[in-house]
Amino acid sequence: MNPRVKPVKLNPDYTIILTFTNGEVKLFDLKPYLDKWIFSELKDKGY
């Protein structure tokens, strides 16, 4: 069974903390993706 994502915490440094239903916590860094067309709007912190 694949764990599901529970709470997601957004950080001001363009990282997110993902908490899964199995208790696992992971940090995902979005910075490498901010220049890709679909993620570029995330550079605007007001968005």
PDB file of N, CA and C in Angstrom:
ATOM      1  N   MET A   1       0.832  -1.180   0.000  1.00  0.00           N
ATOM      2  CA  MET A   1       0.000   0.000   0.000  1.00  0.00           C
ATOM      3  C   MET A   1       0.879   1.247   0.000  1.00  0.00           C
ATOM      4  N   ASN A   2       0.545   2.193  -0.835  1.00  0.00           N
ATOM      5  CA  ASN A   2       1.296   3.436  -0.906  1.00  0.00           C
ATOM      6  C   ASN A   2       0.771   4.429   0.125  1.00  0.00           C
ATOM      7  N   PRO A   3       1.675   5.048   0.882  1.00  0.00           N
ATOM      8  CA  PRO A   3       1.218   6.041   1.850  1.00  0.00           C
ATOM      9  C   PRO A   3       0.685   7.284   1.135  1.00  0.00           C
ATOM     10  N   ARG A   4      -0.248   7.932   1.750  1.00  0.00           N
ATOM     11  CA  ARG A   4      -0.845   9.161   1.220  1.00  0.00           C
ATOM     12  C   ARG A   4      -0.231  10.364   1.926  1.00  0.00           C
ATOM     13  N   VAL A   5      -0.264  11.501   1.244  1.00  0.00           N
ATOM     14  CA  VAL A   5       0.239  12.736   1.830  1.00  0.00           C
ATOM     15  C   VAL A   5      -0.821  13.303   2.755  1.00  0.00           C
ATOM     16  N   LYS A   6      -0.413  13.648   3.955  1.00  0.00           N
ATOM     17  CA  LYS A   6      -1.294  14.309   4.910  1.00  0.00           C
ATOM     18  C   LYS A   6      -0.985  15.807   4.865  1.00  0.00           C
ATOM     19  N   PRO A   7      -0.586  16.444   5.942  1.00  0.00           N
ATOM     20  CA  PRO A   7      -0.304  17.882   5.899  1.00  0.00           C
ATOM     21  C   PRO A   7       0.925  18.206   5.046  1.00  0.00           C
ATOM     22  N   VAL A   8       0.861  19.346   4.394  1.00  0.00           N
ATOM     23  CA  VAL A   8       1.986  19.881   3.634  1.00  0.00           C
ATOM     24  C   VAL A   8       2.294  21.254   4.209  1.00  0.00           C
ATOM     25  N   LYS A   9       3.547  21.479   4.584  1.00  0.00           N
ATOM     26  CA  LYS A   9       3.949  22.778   5.135  1.00  0.00           C
ATOM     27  C   LYS A   9       4.813  23.484   4.105  1.00  0.00           C
ATOM     28  N   LEU A  10       4.410  24.688   3.723  1.00  0.00           N
ATOM     29  CA  LEU A  10       5.160  25.498   2.780  1.00  0.00           C
ATOM     30  C   LEU A  10       6.154  26.355   3.536  1.00  0.00           C
ATOM     31  N   ASN A  11       7.380  26.418   3.062  1.00  0.00           N
ATOM     32  CA  ASN A  11       8.423  27.218   3.685  1.00  0.00           C
ATOM     33  C   ASN A  11       8.798  28.388   2.775  1.00  0.00           C
ATOM     34  N   PRO A  12       9.222  29.497   3.355  1.00  0.00           N
ATOM     35  CA  PRO A  12       9.553  30.670   2.538  1.00  0.00           C
ATOM     36  C   PRO A  12      10.774  30.482   1.633  1.00  0.00           C
ATOM     37  N   ASP A  13      11.564  29.436   1.859  1.00  0.00           N
ATOM     38  CA  ASP A  13      12.758  29.198   1.036  1.00  0.00           C
ATOM     39  C   ASP A  13      12.473  28.247  -0.134  1.00  0.00           C
ATOM     40  N   TYR A  14      11.196  28.137  -0.520  1.00  0.00           N
ATOM     41  CA  TYR A  14      10.775  27.298  -1.655  1.00  0.00           C
ATOM     42  C   TYR A  14      11.005  25.811  -1.413  1.00  0.00           C
ATOM     43  N   THR A  15      10.870  25.400  -0.172  1.00  0.00           N
ATOM     44  CA  THR A  15      10.856  23.980   0.150  1.00  0.00           C
ATOM     45  C   THR A  15       9.498  23.665   0.755  1.00  0.00           C
ATOM     46  N   ILE A  16       9.113  22.406   0.684  1.00  0.00           N
ATOM     47  CA  ILE A  16       7.880  21.968   1.334  1.00  0.00           C
ATOM     48  C   ILE A  16       8.198  20.738   2.176  1.00  0.00           C
ATOM     49  N   ILE A  17       7.507  20.622   3.287  1.00  0.00           N
ATOM     50  CA  ILE A  17       7.637  19.458   4.151  1.00  0.00           C
ATOM     51  C   ILE A  17       6.375  18.630   3.963  1.00  0.00           C
ATOM     52  N   LEU A  18       6.572  17.397   3.529  1.00  0.00           N
ATOM     53  CA  LEU A  18       5.466  16.472   3.279  1.00  0.00           C
ATOM     54  C   LEU A  18       5.402  15.460   4.409  1.00  0.00           C
ATOM     55  N   THR A  19       4.229  15.283   4.987  1.00  0.00           N
ATOM     56  CA  THR A  19       4.010  14.274   6.015  1.00  0.00           C
ATOM     57  C   THR A  19       3.081  13.216   5.424  1.00  0.00           C
ATOM     58  N   PHE A  20       3.470  11.961   5.557  1.00  0.00           N
ATOM     59  CA  PHE A  20       2.715  10.866   4.967  1.00  0.00           C
ATOM     60  C   PHE A  20       1.939  10.097   6.036  1.00  0.00           C
ATOM     61  N   THR A  21       0.947   9.349   5.594  1.00  0.00           N
ATOM     62  CA  THR A  21       0.094   8.601   6.515  1.00  0.00           C
ATOM     63  C   THR A  21       0.857   7.523   7.276  1.00  0.00           C
ATOM     64  N   ASN A  22       2.014   7.107   6.785  1.00  0.00           N
ATOM     65  CA  ASN A  22       2.813   6.098   7.490  1.00  0.00           C
ATOM     66  C   ASN A  22       3.788   6.733   8.488  1.00  0.00           C
ATOM     67  N   GLY A  23       3.682   8.067   8.693  1.00  0.00           N
ATOM     68  CA  GLY A  23       4.529   8.769   9.649  1.00  0.00           C
ATOM     69  C   GLY A  23       5.816   9.315   9.065  1.00  0.00           C
ATOM     70  N   GLU A  24       6.118   8.971   7.836  1.00  0.00           N
ATOM     71  CA  GLU A  24       7.337   9.451   7.188  1.00  0.00           C
ATOM     72  C   GLU A  24       7.198  10.939   6.878  1.00  0.00           C
ATOM     73  N   VAL A  25       8.308  11.687   7.053  1.00  0.00           N
ATOM     74  CA  VAL A  25       8.339  13.118   6.760  1.00  0.00           C
ATOM     75  C   VAL A  25       9.479  13.366   5.780  1.00  0.00           C
ATOM     76  N   LYS A  26       9.189  14.080   4.703  1.00  0.00           N
ATOM     77  CA  LYS A  26      10.193  14.354   3.674  1.00  0.00           C
ATOM     78  C   LYS A  26      10.233  15.847   3.363  1.00  0.00           C
ATOM     79  N   LEU A  27      11.412  16.340   3.037  1.00  0.00           N
ATOM     80  CA  LEU A  27      11.609  17.714   2.597  1.00  0.00           C
ATOM     81  C   LEU A  27      11.804  17.700   1.088  1.00  0.00           C
ATOM     82  N   PHE A  28      11.031  18.512   0.369  1.00  0.00           N
ATOM     83  CA  PHE A  28      11.152  18.594  -1.086  1.00  0.00           C
ATOM     84  C   PHE A  28      11.543  20.013  -1.455  1.00  0.00           C
ATOM     85  N   ASP A  29      12.623  20.162  -2.199  1.00  0.00           N
ATOM     86  CA  ASP A  29      13.147  21.464  -2.605  1.00  0.00           C
ATOM     87  C   ASP A  29      12.617  21.807  -3.998  1.00  0.00           C
ATOM     88  N   LEU A  30      11.832  22.876  -4.080  1.00  0.00           N
ATOM     89  CA  LEU A  30      11.246  23.296  -5.351  1.00  0.00           C
ATOM     90  C   LEU A  30      12.170  24.205  -6.169  1.00  0.00           C
ATOM     91  N   LYS A  31      13.240  24.715  -5.579  1.00  0.00           N
ATOM     92  CA  LYS A  31      14.097  25.696  -6.266  1.00  0.00           C
ATOM     93  C   LYS A  31      14.579  25.245  -7.646  1.00  0.00           C
ATOM     94  N   PRO A  32      14.994  23.984  -7.830  1.00  0.00           N
ATOM     95  CA  PRO A  32      15.452  23.576  -9.164  1.00  0.00           C
ATOM     96  C   PRO A  32      14.358  23.615 -10.231  1.00  0.00           C
ATOM     97  N   TYR A  33      13.106  23.662  -9.815  1.00  0.00           N
ATOM     98  CA  TYR A  33      11.988  23.612 -10.756  1.00  0.00           C
ATOM     99  C   TYR A  33      11.386  24.983 -11.053  1.00  0.00           C
ATOM    100  N   LEU A  34      11.829  26.030 -10.372  1.00  0.00           N
ATOM    101  CA  LEU A  34      11.197  27.347 -10.502  1.00  0.00           C
ATOM    102  C   LEU A  34      11.394  27.982 -11.872  1.00  0.00           C
ATOM    103  N   ASP A  35      12.354  27.518 -12.641  1.00  0.00           N
ATOM    104  CA  ASP A  35      12.551  28.059 -13.988  1.00  0.00           C
ATOM    105  C   ASP A  35      11.783  27.265 -15.049  1.00  0.00           C
ATOM    106  N   LYS A  36      11.145  26.207 -14.654  1.00  0.00           N
ATOM    107  CA  LYS A  36      10.325  25.428 -15.587  1.00  0.00           C
ATOM    108  C   LYS A  36       8.984  26.121 -15.747  1.00  0.00           C
ATOM    109  N   TRP A  37       8.436  26.087 -16.923  1.00  0.00           N
ATOM    110  CA  TRP A  37       7.248  26.886 -17.246  1.00  0.00           C
ATOM    111  C   TRP A  37       6.077  26.669 -16.292  1.00  0.00           C
ATOM    112  N   ILE A  38       5.823  25.454 -15.900  1.00  0.00           N
ATOM    113  CA  ILE A  38       4.639  25.204 -15.069  1.00  0.00           C
ATOM    114  C   ILE A  38       4.826  25.682 -13.626  1.00  0.00           C
ATOM    115  N   PHE A  39       6.061  25.775 -13.166  1.00  0.00           N
ATOM    116  CA  PHE A  39       6.339  26.185 -11.791  1.00  0.00           C
ATOM    117  C   PHE A  39       6.778  27.636 -11.666  1.00  0.00           C
ATOM    118  N   SER A  40       6.991  28.334 -12.762  1.00  0.00           N
ATOM    119  CA  SER A  40       7.553  29.685 -12.714  1.00  0.00           C
ATOM    120  C   SER A  40       6.689  30.666 -11.931  1.00  0.00           C
ATOM    121  N   GLU A  41       5.381  30.460 -11.903  1.00  0.00           N
ATOM    122  CA  GLU A  41       4.503  31.368 -11.156  1.00  0.00           C
ATOM    123  C   GLU A  41       4.746  31.284  -9.647  1.00  0.00           C
ATOM    124  N   LEU A  42       5.355  30.202  -9.183  1.00  0.00           N
ATOM    125  CA  LEU A  42       5.613  30.041  -7.768  1.00  0.00           C
ATOM    126  C   LEU A  42       6.691  30.996  -7.261  1.00  0.00           C
ATOM    127  N   LYS A  43       7.452  31.606  -8.166  1.00  0.00           N
ATOM    128  CA  LYS A  43       8.448  32.588  -7.758  1.00  0.00           C
ATOM    129  C   LYS A  43       7.782  33.788  -7.090  1.00  0.00           C
ATOM    130  N   ASP A  44       6.555  34.076  -7.497  1.00  0.00           N
ATOM    131  CA  ASP A  44       5.784  35.163  -6.910  1.00  0.00           C
ATOM    132  C   ASP A  44       5.179  34.656  -5.600  1.00  0.00           C
ATOM    133  N   LYS A  45       5.755  35.058  -4.463  1.00  0.00           N
ATOM    134  CA  LYS A  45       5.297  34.547  -3.162  1.00  0.00           C
ATOM    135  C   LYS A  45       3.863  34.970  -2.856  1.00  0.00           C
ATOM    136  N   GLY A  46       3.351  35.972  -3.523  1.00  0.00           N
ATOM    137  CA  GLY A  46       1.970  36.376  -3.331  1.00  0.00           C
ATOM    138  C   GLY A  46       0.992  35.445  -4.020  1.00  0.00           C
ATOM    139  N   TYR A  47       1.493  34.654  -4.928  1.00  0.00           N
ATOM    140  CA  TYR A  47       0.656  33.721  -5.694  1.00  0.00           C
ATOM    141  C   TYR A  47       0.264  32.576  -4.814  1.00  0.00           C
TER     142      TYR A  47
END
